[in-house]
């Protein structure tokens, strides 16, 4: 499969639409899962997926290691989602009003409630959802998250704390 992907990438770099479709088909399902973690609903996730793949095809010439294409696409999808949520922050939320600094342990989900967890995460306010995903799913440090979100580490900690509290409340029936 590795040589197939490399061949597909080579054709995609030449703007071959059939190859672009093949690359999309190879990774769309996995990347939709990434987008669903950040988006408030399926329609937004589909838009983010589309935007992400537009960026993938636009930047494919920068891919140095074709065998690492999945990780490269994954990073572009996460970046696309972060950019979307940052635009939402600027429009709808002021992060400067957050001051809660509760430092709780990581949230661990029971594998039997994964669907319920995904649904609960999707209902979180955009700032909480972004901070929670970057910290607990992607493994970013608080400083990195603050940089990505354009706010202070204190605000990031507050968002994550509130997200965990909201998730605990929404998922308490599974405890």
N, C-alpha and C. Protein backbone atom coordinates (compact mmCIF):
# COMPACT_ATOMS: atom_id res chain seq x y z
N UNK A 1 0.82 -1.19 0.00
CA UNK A 1 0.00 0.00 0.00
C UNK A 1 0.86 1.26 0.00
N UNK A 2 2.01 1.22 0.63
CA UNK A 2 2.88 2.38 0.71
C UNK A 2 3.27 2.88 -0.67
N UNK A 3 3.62 1.95 -1.56
CA UNK A 3 3.98 2.37 -2.91
C UNK A 3 2.76 2.90 -3.66
N UNK A 4 1.57 2.35 -3.36
CA UNK A 4 0.34 2.86 -3.97
C UNK A 4 0.09 4.31 -3.55
N UNK A 5 0.24 4.57 -2.28
CA UNK A 5 0.03 5.93 -1.77
C UNK A 5 1.05 6.88 -2.38
N UNK A 6 2.30 6.43 -2.45
CA UNK A 6 3.33 7.28 -3.05
C UNK A 6 3.00 7.59 -4.50
N UNK A 7 2.49 6.61 -5.22
CA UNK A 7 2.10 6.83 -6.62
C UNK A 7 0.91 7.79 -6.70
N UNK A 8 -0.06 7.62 -5.80
CA UNK A 8 -1.22 8.51 -5.76
C UNK A 8 -0.77 9.94 -5.48
N UNK A 9 0.14 10.11 -4.53
CA UNK A 9 0.65 11.44 -4.19
C UNK A 9 1.35 12.07 -5.38
N UNK A 10 2.13 11.27 -6.07
CA UNK A 10 2.84 11.77 -7.26
C UNK A 10 1.83 12.30 -8.28
N UNK A 11 0.75 11.55 -8.49
CA UNK A 11 -0.28 11.98 -9.44
C UNK A 11 -1.04 13.21 -8.92
N UNK A 12 -1.29 13.24 -7.61
CA UNK A 12 -1.98 14.39 -7.02
C UNK A 12 -1.17 15.67 -7.21
N UNK A 13 0.12 15.56 -7.09
CA UNK A 13 0.99 16.72 -7.30
C UNK A 13 0.90 17.25 -8.73
N UNK A 14 0.47 16.40 -9.62
CA UNK A 14 0.25 16.82 -11.02
C UNK A 14 -1.20 17.24 -11.25
N UNK A 15 -1.95 17.38 -10.16
CA UNK A 15 -3.34 17.82 -10.19
C UNK A 15 -4.27 16.84 -10.89
N UNK A 16 -3.97 15.55 -10.77
CA UNK A 16 -4.81 14.51 -11.33
C UNK A 16 -6.03 14.34 -10.42
N UNK A 17 -7.21 14.66 -10.93
CA UNK A 17 -8.41 14.65 -10.09
C UNK A 17 -8.79 13.24 -9.62
N UNK A 18 -8.53 12.23 -10.42
CA UNK A 18 -8.84 10.85 -9.98
C UNK A 18 -7.94 10.45 -8.82
N UNK A 19 -6.69 10.83 -8.88
CA UNK A 19 -5.76 10.53 -7.79
C UNK A 19 -6.15 11.31 -6.53
N UNK A 20 -6.58 12.54 -6.71
CA UNK A 20 -7.02 13.33 -5.56
C UNK A 20 -8.22 12.66 -4.89
N UNK A 21 -9.12 12.16 -5.70
CA UNK A 21 -10.28 11.45 -5.15
C UNK A 21 -9.85 10.19 -4.40
N UNK A 22 -8.88 9.46 -4.95
CA UNK A 22 -8.38 8.25 -4.28
C UNK A 22 -7.75 8.59 -2.93
N UNK A 23 -6.95 9.66 -2.90
CA UNK A 23 -6.32 10.07 -1.65
C UNK A 23 -7.39 10.47 -0.63
N UNK A 24 -8.36 11.21 -1.10
CA UNK A 24 -9.48 11.61 -0.24
C UNK A 24 -10.19 10.37 0.30
N UNK A 25 -10.51 9.43 -0.56
CA UNK A 25 -11.21 8.21 -0.14
C UNK A 25 -10.41 7.39 0.87
N UNK A 26 -9.09 7.41 0.74
CA UNK A 26 -8.23 6.65 1.66
C UNK A 26 -8.30 7.20 3.09
N UNK A 27 -8.42 8.52 3.22
CA UNK A 27 -8.27 9.13 4.53
C UNK A 27 -9.49 9.89 5.05
N UNK A 28 -10.50 10.05 4.25
CA UNK A 28 -11.65 10.88 4.64
C UNK A 28 -12.34 10.37 5.91
N UNK A 29 -12.55 9.08 6.02
CA UNK A 29 -13.27 8.54 7.18
C UNK A 29 -12.51 8.82 8.48
N UNK A 30 -11.21 8.57 8.49
CA UNK A 30 -10.41 8.83 9.69
C UNK A 30 -10.39 10.32 10.02
N UNK A 31 -10.24 11.14 9.00
CA UNK A 31 -10.15 12.57 9.23
C UNK A 31 -11.50 13.17 9.63
N UNK A 32 -12.57 12.54 9.20
CA UNK A 32 -13.89 12.99 9.64
C UNK A 32 -14.02 12.80 11.15
N UNK A 33 -13.46 11.72 11.66
CA UNK A 33 -13.45 11.50 13.11
C UNK A 33 -12.72 12.61 13.83
N UNK A 34 -11.61 13.07 13.27
CA UNK A 34 -10.87 14.18 13.86
C UNK A 34 -11.74 15.43 13.87
N UNK A 35 -12.34 15.73 12.73
CA UNK A 35 -13.18 16.93 12.62
C UNK A 35 -14.38 16.87 13.56
N UNK A 36 -14.95 15.69 13.73
CA UNK A 36 -16.11 15.54 14.62
C UNK A 36 -15.75 15.87 16.07
N UNK A 37 -14.51 15.62 16.47
CA UNK A 37 -14.10 15.94 17.84
C UNK A 37 -14.12 17.44 18.10
N UNK A 38 -13.89 18.23 17.07
CA UNK A 38 -13.79 19.67 17.25
C UNK A 38 -15.07 20.41 16.86
N UNK A 39 -15.83 19.87 15.96
CA UNK A 39 -17.00 20.57 15.42
C UNK A 39 -18.22 20.41 16.32
N UNK A 40 -19.09 21.40 16.31
CA UNK A 40 -20.30 21.30 17.13
C UNK A 40 -21.35 20.37 16.53
N UNK A 41 -21.24 20.08 15.23
CA UNK A 41 -22.23 19.21 14.57
C UNK A 41 -21.60 18.58 13.32
N UNK A 42 -22.31 17.62 12.77
CA UNK A 42 -21.80 16.87 11.63
C UNK A 42 -21.60 17.75 10.38
N UNK A 43 -22.52 18.67 10.15
CA UNK A 43 -22.41 19.53 8.98
C UNK A 43 -21.14 20.39 9.05
N UNK A 44 -20.85 20.92 10.21
CA UNK A 44 -19.64 21.72 10.39
C UNK A 44 -18.41 20.85 10.22
N UNK A 45 -18.46 19.63 10.76
CA UNK A 45 -17.34 18.69 10.61
C UNK A 45 -17.08 18.39 9.13
N UNK A 46 -18.15 18.22 8.37
CA UNK A 46 -17.99 17.95 6.94
C UNK A 46 -17.36 19.16 6.23
N UNK A 47 -17.77 20.35 6.62
CA UNK A 47 -17.16 21.56 6.05
C UNK A 47 -15.68 21.64 6.39
N UNK A 48 -15.35 21.32 7.65
CA UNK A 48 -13.94 21.33 8.07
C UNK A 48 -13.13 20.28 7.32
N UNK A 49 -13.72 19.12 7.11
CA UNK A 49 -13.06 18.06 6.35
C UNK A 49 -12.76 18.55 4.93
N UNK A 50 -13.75 19.16 4.31
CA UNK A 50 -13.57 19.68 2.96
C UNK A 50 -12.48 20.76 2.92
N UNK A 51 -12.55 21.70 3.87
CA UNK A 51 -11.54 22.75 3.93
C UNK A 51 -10.15 22.16 4.16
N UNK A 52 -10.08 21.16 5.03
CA UNK A 52 -8.80 20.51 5.30
C UNK A 52 -8.22 19.85 4.07
N UNK A 53 -9.04 19.16 3.32
CA UNK A 53 -8.53 18.51 2.11
C UNK A 53 -8.16 19.51 1.03
N UNK A 54 -8.82 20.63 0.99
CA UNK A 54 -8.40 21.68 0.05
C UNK A 54 -6.99 22.13 0.41
N UNK A 55 -6.73 22.31 1.72
CA UNK A 55 -5.38 22.67 2.17
C UNK A 55 -4.38 21.56 1.86
N UNK A 56 -4.80 20.31 2.04
CA UNK A 56 -3.91 19.18 1.75
C UNK A 56 -3.47 19.23 0.29
N UNK A 57 -4.42 19.37 -0.62
CA UNK A 57 -4.08 19.37 -2.03
C UNK A 57 -3.29 20.62 -2.42
N UNK A 58 -3.57 21.72 -1.75
CA UNK A 58 -2.84 22.96 -2.03
C UNK A 58 -1.39 22.88 -1.56
N UNK A 59 -1.14 22.15 -0.47
CA UNK A 59 0.20 22.09 0.12
C UNK A 59 0.92 20.76 -0.12
N UNK A 60 0.36 19.93 -0.96
CA UNK A 60 0.93 18.61 -1.18
C UNK A 60 2.37 18.66 -1.68
N UNK A 61 2.71 19.71 -2.38
CA UNK A 61 4.09 19.86 -2.86
C UNK A 61 5.09 20.00 -1.72
N UNK A 62 4.62 20.35 -0.52
CA UNK A 62 5.51 20.51 0.64
C UNK A 62 5.74 19.21 1.41
N UNK A 63 4.98 18.17 1.08
CA UNK A 63 5.13 16.89 1.77
C UNK A 63 6.47 16.28 1.39
N UNK A 64 7.32 16.06 2.40
CA UNK A 64 8.66 15.54 2.13
C UNK A 64 8.73 14.02 2.18
N UNK A 65 7.91 13.42 3.02
CA UNK A 65 7.95 11.97 3.19
C UNK A 65 6.58 11.39 2.88
N UNK A 66 6.36 10.94 1.66
CA UNK A 66 5.04 10.41 1.28
C UNK A 66 4.56 9.27 2.17
N UNK A 67 5.47 8.50 2.77
CA UNK A 67 5.04 7.40 3.64
C UNK A 67 4.43 7.92 4.95
N UNK A 68 4.62 9.19 5.26
CA UNK A 68 4.05 9.79 6.47
C UNK A 68 2.84 10.67 6.14
N UNK A 69 2.21 10.41 5.02
CA UNK A 69 1.11 11.26 4.56
C UNK A 69 -0.06 11.28 5.54
N UNK A 70 -0.37 10.18 6.18
CA UNK A 70 -1.51 10.16 7.10
C UNK A 70 -1.29 11.11 8.26
N UNK A 71 -0.12 11.07 8.87
CA UNK A 71 0.19 11.98 9.98
C UNK A 71 0.19 13.43 9.51
N UNK A 72 0.68 13.66 8.31
CA UNK A 72 0.72 15.00 7.74
C UNK A 72 -0.70 15.52 7.51
N UNK A 73 -1.57 14.71 6.95
CA UNK A 73 -2.97 15.09 6.72
C UNK A 73 -3.66 15.33 8.06
N UNK A 74 -3.40 14.46 9.03
CA UNK A 74 -3.99 14.58 10.36
C UNK A 74 -3.65 15.95 10.95
N UNK A 75 -2.40 16.34 10.85
CA UNK A 75 -1.95 17.62 11.40
C UNK A 75 -2.67 18.79 10.70
N UNK A 76 -2.84 18.69 9.40
CA UNK A 76 -3.55 19.74 8.66
C UNK A 76 -5.01 19.81 9.12
N UNK A 77 -5.63 18.66 9.34
CA UNK A 77 -7.03 18.65 9.80
C UNK A 77 -7.16 19.31 11.17
N UNK A 78 -6.27 18.97 12.08
CA UNK A 78 -6.32 19.57 13.42
C UNK A 78 -6.12 21.08 13.30
N UNK A 79 -5.17 21.49 12.49
CA UNK A 79 -4.91 22.91 12.29
C UNK A 79 -6.12 23.62 11.69
N UNK A 80 -6.78 22.98 10.74
CA UNK A 80 -7.98 23.55 10.13
C UNK A 80 -9.07 23.74 11.18
N UNK A 81 -9.24 22.74 12.04
CA UNK A 81 -10.25 22.82 13.10
C UNK A 81 -9.91 23.93 14.10
N UNK A 82 -8.65 24.02 14.48
CA UNK A 82 -8.23 25.06 15.42
C UNK A 82 -8.48 26.44 14.82
N UNK A 83 -8.13 26.61 13.56
CA UNK A 83 -8.34 27.91 12.91
C UNK A 83 -9.83 28.26 12.88
N UNK A 84 -10.66 27.30 12.58
CA UNK A 84 -12.11 27.52 12.58
C UNK A 84 -12.59 27.96 13.97
N UNK A 85 -12.18 27.24 14.99
CA UNK A 85 -12.63 27.56 16.34
C UNK A 85 -12.09 28.90 16.81
N UNK A 86 -10.87 29.23 16.42
CA UNK A 86 -10.33 30.55 16.76
C UNK A 86 -11.16 31.67 16.14
N UNK A 87 -11.61 31.46 14.91
CA UNK A 87 -12.49 32.46 14.28
C UNK A 87 -13.80 32.57 15.05
N UNK A 88 -14.31 31.45 15.54
CA UNK A 88 -15.54 31.48 16.33
C UNK A 88 -15.34 32.24 17.63
N UNK A 89 -14.17 32.07 18.26
CA UNK A 89 -13.87 32.80 19.50
C UNK A 89 -13.94 34.30 19.25
N UNK A 90 -13.29 34.73 18.20
CA UNK A 90 -13.26 36.16 17.91
C UNK A 90 -14.65 36.71 17.68
N UNK A 91 -15.52 35.89 17.16
CA UNK A 91 -16.88 36.35 16.88
C UNK A 91 -17.79 36.29 18.10
N UNK A 92 -17.66 35.25 18.93
CA UNK A 92 -18.69 34.99 19.92
C UNK A 92 -18.25 34.99 21.38
N UNK A 93 -17.00 34.81 21.68
CA UNK A 93 -16.62 34.63 23.07
C UNK A 93 -15.43 35.51 23.44
N UNK A 94 -15.41 35.94 24.66
CA UNK A 94 -14.27 36.66 25.20
C UNK A 94 -13.60 35.76 26.22
N UNK A 95 -12.38 35.34 25.91
CA UNK A 95 -11.67 34.44 26.81
C UNK A 95 -11.07 35.18 28.01
N UNK A 96 -10.98 36.50 27.94
CA UNK A 96 -10.36 37.27 29.01
C UNK A 96 -11.15 37.25 30.30
N UNK A 97 -12.42 36.84 30.27
CA UNK A 97 -13.24 36.84 31.47
C UNK A 97 -13.08 35.58 32.29
N UNK A 98 -12.32 34.62 31.82
CA UNK A 98 -12.17 33.34 32.52
C UNK A 98 -11.02 33.41 33.51
N UNK A 99 -11.25 32.98 34.75
CA UNK A 99 -10.19 33.04 35.75
C UNK A 99 -10.06 31.78 36.58
N UNK A 100 -10.93 30.81 36.39
CA UNK A 100 -10.88 29.56 37.16
C UNK A 100 -9.59 28.81 36.86
N UNK A 101 -8.85 28.37 37.88
CA UNK A 101 -7.57 27.69 37.67
C UNK A 101 -7.57 26.27 38.21
N UNK A 102 -8.71 25.66 38.34
CA UNK A 102 -8.80 24.29 38.85
C UNK A 102 -7.91 23.37 38.03
N UNK A 103 -7.09 22.56 38.68
CA UNK A 103 -6.14 21.69 37.99
C UNK A 103 -6.49 20.25 38.31
N UNK A 104 -7.39 19.66 37.53
CA UNK A 104 -7.89 18.33 37.79
C UNK A 104 -7.17 17.29 36.95
N UNK A 105 -7.20 16.01 37.36
CA UNK A 105 -6.58 14.98 36.55
C UNK A 105 -7.29 14.78 35.22
N UNK A 106 -6.61 14.15 34.29
CA UNK A 106 -7.17 13.92 32.95
C UNK A 106 -8.45 13.12 33.02
N UNK A 107 -9.35 13.41 32.10
CA UNK A 107 -10.62 12.70 31.99
C UNK A 107 -10.38 11.39 31.26
N UNK A 108 -10.81 10.29 31.84
CA UNK A 108 -10.65 8.99 31.19
C UNK A 108 -12.02 8.40 30.92
N UNK A 109 -12.26 8.03 29.67
CA UNK A 109 -13.57 7.52 29.28
C UNK A 109 -13.60 6.00 29.29
N UNK A 110 -14.72 5.45 29.72
CA UNK A 110 -14.98 4.03 29.62
C UNK A 110 -15.21 3.72 28.14
N UNK A 111 -14.55 2.69 27.60
CA UNK A 111 -14.71 2.42 26.17
C UNK A 111 -16.14 2.13 25.75
N UNK A 112 -16.99 1.74 26.69
CA UNK A 112 -18.38 1.43 26.36
C UNK A 112 -19.23 2.67 26.16
N UNK A 113 -18.74 3.82 26.56
CA UNK A 113 -19.52 5.03 26.41
C UNK A 113 -18.85 6.00 25.42
N UNK A 114 -18.04 5.49 24.52
CA UNK A 114 -17.33 6.34 23.58
C UNK A 114 -18.27 7.20 22.75
N UNK A 115 -19.36 6.62 22.27
CA UNK A 115 -20.32 7.40 21.47
C UNK A 115 -20.95 8.50 22.32
N UNK A 116 -21.29 8.16 23.56
CA UNK A 116 -21.87 9.14 24.44
C UNK A 116 -20.87 10.24 24.76
N UNK A 117 -19.60 9.87 24.94
CA UNK A 117 -18.56 10.85 25.20
C UNK A 117 -18.41 11.80 24.01
N UNK A 118 -18.36 11.25 22.80
CA UNK A 118 -18.24 12.09 21.61
C UNK A 118 -19.43 13.05 21.51
N UNK A 119 -20.61 12.55 21.79
CA UNK A 119 -21.81 13.39 21.74
C UNK A 119 -21.73 14.49 22.81
N UNK A 120 -21.27 14.13 24.00
CA UNK A 120 -21.14 15.11 25.08
C UNK A 120 -20.09 16.16 24.75
N UNK A 121 -18.97 15.75 24.19
CA UNK A 121 -17.93 16.70 23.78
C UNK A 121 -18.48 17.67 22.74
N UNK A 122 -19.26 17.16 21.82
CA UNK A 122 -19.82 18.00 20.76
C UNK A 122 -20.75 19.08 21.31
N UNK A 123 -21.33 18.85 22.50
CA UNK A 123 -22.25 19.85 23.07
C UNK A 123 -21.52 20.91 23.89
N UNK A 124 -20.23 20.73 24.14
CA UNK A 124 -19.48 21.73 24.90
C UNK A 124 -19.40 23.04 24.12
N UNK A 125 -19.34 24.16 24.83
CA UNK A 125 -19.08 25.43 24.13
C UNK A 125 -17.76 25.34 23.37
N UNK A 126 -17.64 26.09 22.30
CA UNK A 126 -16.50 25.98 21.39
C UNK A 126 -15.15 26.08 22.10
N UNK A 127 -15.00 27.02 23.00
CA UNK A 127 -13.72 27.19 23.70
C UNK A 127 -13.36 26.00 24.56
N UNK A 128 -14.35 25.48 25.27
CA UNK A 128 -14.11 24.30 26.10
C UNK A 128 -13.78 23.09 25.24
N UNK A 129 -14.51 22.92 24.15
CA UNK A 129 -14.29 21.78 23.26
C UNK A 129 -12.88 21.82 22.67
N UNK A 130 -12.46 22.99 22.22
CA UNK A 130 -11.14 23.13 21.63
C UNK A 130 -10.05 22.84 22.66
N UNK A 131 -10.12 23.49 23.81
CA UNK A 131 -9.10 23.29 24.84
C UNK A 131 -9.06 21.84 25.31
N UNK A 132 -10.23 21.25 25.53
CA UNK A 132 -10.29 19.85 25.98
C UNK A 132 -9.65 18.92 24.95
N UNK A 133 -10.02 19.07 23.69
CA UNK A 133 -9.47 18.20 22.65
C UNK A 133 -7.97 18.36 22.51
N UNK A 134 -7.50 19.60 22.52
CA UNK A 134 -6.05 19.81 22.37
C UNK A 134 -5.28 19.20 23.54
N UNK A 135 -5.81 19.31 24.74
CA UNK A 135 -5.10 18.79 25.92
C UNK A 135 -5.28 17.28 26.08
N UNK A 136 -6.51 16.83 26.13
CA UNK A 136 -6.79 15.45 26.50
C UNK A 136 -6.74 14.47 25.33
N UNK A 137 -6.99 14.93 24.14
CA UNK A 137 -6.96 14.04 22.98
C UNK A 137 -5.64 14.16 22.23
N UNK A 138 -5.23 15.40 21.95
CA UNK A 138 -4.01 15.61 21.18
C UNK A 138 -2.75 15.61 22.03
N UNK A 139 -2.88 15.87 23.35
CA UNK A 139 -1.74 15.83 24.25
C UNK A 139 -0.89 17.10 24.27
N UNK A 140 -1.43 18.22 23.84
CA UNK A 140 -0.69 19.47 23.86
C UNK A 140 -0.46 19.94 25.29
N UNK A 141 0.60 20.70 25.50
CA UNK A 141 0.88 21.33 26.78
C UNK A 141 0.03 22.60 26.90
N UNK A 142 -0.18 23.07 28.12
CA UNK A 142 -1.01 24.25 28.34
C UNK A 142 -0.47 25.46 27.57
N UNK A 143 0.84 25.64 27.58
CA UNK A 143 1.43 26.79 26.88
C UNK A 143 1.17 26.71 25.37
N UNK A 144 1.26 25.52 24.81
CA UNK A 144 1.00 25.35 23.38
C UNK A 144 -0.46 25.67 23.06
N UNK A 145 -1.35 25.22 23.92
CA UNK A 145 -2.78 25.47 23.71
C UNK A 145 -3.05 26.97 23.80
N UNK A 146 -2.48 27.60 24.80
CA UNK A 146 -2.67 29.05 24.96
C UNK A 146 -2.19 29.80 23.72
N UNK A 147 -1.07 29.38 23.19
CA UNK A 147 -0.54 30.00 21.97
C UNK A 147 -1.49 29.80 20.79
N UNK A 148 -1.99 28.58 20.64
CA UNK A 148 -2.91 28.28 19.54
C UNK A 148 -4.21 29.07 19.66
N UNK A 149 -4.69 29.22 20.89
CA UNK A 149 -5.98 29.87 21.12
C UNK A 149 -5.86 31.37 21.30
N UNK A 150 -4.65 31.86 21.47
CA UNK A 150 -4.46 33.29 21.65
C UNK A 150 -4.96 33.81 22.99
N UNK A 151 -4.73 33.03 24.04
CA UNK A 151 -5.16 33.44 25.37
C UNK A 151 -4.10 33.00 26.38
N UNK A 152 -4.35 33.22 27.65
CA UNK A 152 -3.37 32.86 28.68
C UNK A 152 -3.53 31.39 29.09
N UNK A 153 -2.49 30.86 29.73
CA UNK A 153 -2.54 29.49 30.25
C UNK A 153 -3.63 29.36 31.31
N UNK A 154 -3.84 30.40 32.10
CA UNK A 154 -4.88 30.39 33.12
C UNK A 154 -6.23 30.18 32.46
N UNK A 155 -6.47 30.88 31.37
CA UNK A 155 -7.74 30.72 30.65
C UNK A 155 -7.89 29.31 30.09
N UNK A 156 -6.80 28.75 29.58
CA UNK A 156 -6.84 27.39 29.05
C UNK A 156 -7.19 26.41 30.15
N UNK A 157 -6.53 26.55 31.30
CA UNK A 157 -6.82 25.66 32.43
C UNK A 157 -8.28 25.78 32.86
N UNK A 158 -8.79 27.00 32.85
CA UNK A 158 -10.19 27.21 33.22
C UNK A 158 -11.13 26.55 32.22
N UNK A 159 -10.84 26.70 30.95
CA UNK A 159 -11.67 26.07 29.92
C UNK A 159 -11.68 24.55 30.06
N UNK A 160 -10.51 23.98 30.29
CA UNK A 160 -10.42 22.52 30.43
C UNK A 160 -11.14 22.06 31.69
N UNK A 161 -10.98 22.79 32.76
CA UNK A 161 -11.67 22.45 34.00
C UNK A 161 -13.18 22.48 33.82
N UNK A 162 -13.67 23.51 33.17
CA UNK A 162 -15.11 23.61 32.93
C UNK A 162 -15.59 22.51 31.98
N UNK A 163 -14.79 22.21 30.98
CA UNK A 163 -15.15 21.13 30.05
C UNK A 163 -15.28 19.81 30.80
N UNK A 164 -14.31 19.51 31.65
CA UNK A 164 -14.34 18.26 32.42
C UNK A 164 -15.55 18.22 33.34
N UNK A 165 -15.83 19.34 33.98
CA UNK A 165 -16.98 19.41 34.87
C UNK A 165 -18.27 19.18 34.09
N UNK A 166 -18.40 19.83 32.94
CA UNK A 166 -19.58 19.64 32.10
C UNK A 166 -19.70 18.20 31.62
N UNK A 167 -18.58 17.60 31.24
CA UNK A 167 -18.60 16.22 30.76
C UNK A 167 -18.97 15.25 31.89
N UNK A 168 -18.43 15.48 33.07
CA UNK A 168 -18.78 14.63 34.21
C UNK A 168 -20.28 14.68 34.47
N UNK A 169 -20.83 15.88 34.43
CA UNK A 169 -22.25 16.05 34.66
C UNK A 169 -23.06 15.34 33.57
N UNK A 170 -22.67 15.51 32.33
CA UNK A 170 -23.42 14.90 31.22
C UNK A 170 -23.28 13.38 31.19
N UNK A 171 -22.15 12.88 31.69
CA UNK A 171 -21.89 11.43 31.63
C UNK A 171 -22.06 10.75 32.98
N UNK A 172 -22.60 11.43 33.97
CA UNK A 172 -22.70 10.87 35.33
C UNK A 172 -23.52 9.58 35.36
N UNK A 173 -24.45 9.41 34.46
CA UNK A 173 -25.26 8.20 34.45
C UNK A 173 -24.45 6.96 34.11
N UNK A 174 -23.25 7.12 33.53
CA UNK A 174 -22.41 6.00 33.15
C UNK A 174 -21.38 5.65 34.22
N UNK A 175 -21.32 6.45 35.28
CA UNK A 175 -20.30 6.23 36.31
C UNK A 175 -20.64 5.02 37.16
